[in-house]
């Protein structure tokens, strides 16, 4: 008779947030190589399509594809829950802009 797998219960991962720095981004760019993804975050001060000033990149995160896939799933679940409560998130800024009425 084969023995049952006696692997111990996995311990929860502990996280130390004491050195965490938060920043805001309204711009994200993803590039990569066969081994990793590079995700740049920054502030676009001209979100309406004007390209007079460059986007200031303030954070770069490099991920292997395993971590990227876990992040993709976590973000998908989080956005899905948000939309269930608050409604669809429209990413096309032209569809969100309300035209001004001329007087």
Protein backbone atom coordinates (compact mmCIF):
# COMPACT_ATOMS: atom_id res chain seq x y z
CA UNK A 1 0.00 0.00 0.00
CA UNK A 2 1.43 3.40 -0.99
CA UNK A 3 1.91 5.98 1.70
CA UNK A 4 0.01 9.24 1.47
CA UNK A 5 1.97 12.38 0.72
CA UNK A 6 2.97 13.68 4.14
CA UNK A 7 4.10 17.14 2.99
CA UNK A 8 3.70 19.74 5.74
CA UNK A 9 1.19 22.54 5.42
CA UNK A 10 2.85 25.53 3.74
CA UNK A 11 3.58 28.44 6.05
CA UNK A 12 2.23 31.84 5.08
CA UNK A 13 4.84 34.20 3.69
CA UNK A 14 5.68 37.07 6.02
CA UNK A 15 6.21 40.50 4.49
CA UNK A 16 8.25 43.39 5.92
CA UNK A 17 6.79 46.68 4.69
CA UNK A 18 8.94 48.94 6.90
CA UNK A 19 11.09 50.19 3.97
CA UNK A 20 8.29 50.50 1.42
CA UNK A 21 8.14 53.70 -0.62
CA UNK A 22 4.87 54.49 -2.35
CA UNK A 23 4.58 56.51 -5.53
CA UNK A 24 1.81 57.34 -7.99
CA UNK A 25 1.90 56.51 -11.70
CA UNK A 26 -0.51 57.27 -14.53
CA UNK A 27 1.81 55.79 -17.19
CA UNK A 28 3.10 52.26 -17.63
CA UNK A 29 5.35 50.77 -20.31
CA UNK A 30 6.19 47.07 -20.64
CA UNK A 31 9.25 45.86 -22.53
CA UNK A 32 11.27 42.73 -22.14
CA UNK A 33 13.52 39.96 -23.27
CA UNK A 34 13.09 36.19 -23.52
CA UNK A 35 14.01 35.90 -19.82
CA UNK A 36 12.22 38.82 -18.15
CA UNK A 37 9.73 41.65 -18.37
CA UNK A 38 10.66 45.24 -17.61
CA UNK A 39 7.82 47.41 -16.36
CA UNK A 40 8.40 51.17 -16.16
CA UNK A 41 6.07 53.43 -14.20
CA UNK A 42 5.95 57.18 -14.43
CA UNK A 43 4.01 60.40 -14.47
CA UNK A 44 2.56 61.71 -17.72
CA UNK A 45 1.73 65.35 -17.06
CA UNK A 46 0.02 65.60 -20.48
CA UNK A 47 -2.44 62.69 -20.55
CA UNK A 48 -4.57 64.12 -23.38
CA UNK A 49 -2.12 63.05 -26.09
CA UNK A 50 0.12 66.10 -26.16
CA UNK A 51 3.77 65.09 -26.49
CA UNK A 52 5.58 68.31 -25.65
CA UNK A 53 7.25 67.00 -22.49
CA UNK A 54 8.69 63.51 -21.96
CA UNK A 55 7.07 61.15 -19.46
CA UNK A 56 9.12 61.04 -16.26
CA UNK A 57 9.87 57.39 -15.42
CA UNK A 58 10.32 57.04 -11.67
CA UNK A 59 10.16 53.29 -11.05
CA UNK A 60 11.36 50.23 -12.97
CA UNK A 61 10.38 46.73 -11.93
CA UNK A 62 12.07 43.72 -13.57
CA UNK A 63 10.11 40.46 -13.31
CA UNK A 64 10.67 36.91 -14.44
CA UNK A 65 7.74 35.50 -16.40
CA UNK A 66 6.55 33.32 -13.50
CA UNK A 67 6.17 36.36 -11.25
CA UNK A 68 4.68 38.37 -14.11
CA UNK A 69 1.99 35.72 -14.64
CA UNK A 70 1.13 35.71 -10.94
CA UNK A 71 0.94 39.53 -11.03
CA UNK A 72 -1.27 39.39 -14.12
CA UNK A 73 -3.70 37.08 -12.32
CA UNK A 74 -3.73 39.18 -9.13
CA UNK A 75 -4.37 42.39 -11.08
CA UNK A 76 -7.11 40.72 -13.16
CA UNK A 77 -8.94 39.50 -10.04
CA UNK A 78 -8.59 42.91 -8.34
CA UNK A 79 -9.90 44.87 -11.34
CA UNK A 80 -12.72 42.38 -11.86
CA UNK A 81 -13.85 42.80 -8.23
CA UNK A 82 -13.66 46.61 -8.54
CA UNK A 83 -15.79 46.57 -11.70
CA UNK A 84 -18.37 44.30 -10.06
CA UNK A 85 -18.87 46.93 -7.36
CA UNK A 86 -18.33 50.22 -9.24
CA UNK A 87 -18.98 49.40 -12.91
CA UNK A 88 -16.84 49.06 -16.02
CA UNK A 89 -13.55 50.96 -16.12
CA UNK A 90 -13.21 52.79 -19.45
CA UNK A 91 -9.54 52.98 -20.48
CA UNK A 92 -10.13 55.08 -23.63
CA UNK A 93 -9.77 58.65 -22.39
CA UNK A 94 -11.71 60.00 -25.40
CA UNK A 95 -14.77 58.05 -24.24
CA UNK A 96 -14.44 59.45 -20.70
CA UNK A 97 -14.09 63.12 -21.62
CA UNK A 98 -17.33 65.08 -21.44
CA UNK A 99 -17.39 67.85 -24.07
CA UNK A 100 -17.97 71.37 -22.83
CA UNK A 101 -21.15 73.09 -23.88
CA UNK A 102 -20.46 76.27 -25.82
CA UNK A 103 -22.24 79.39 -24.59
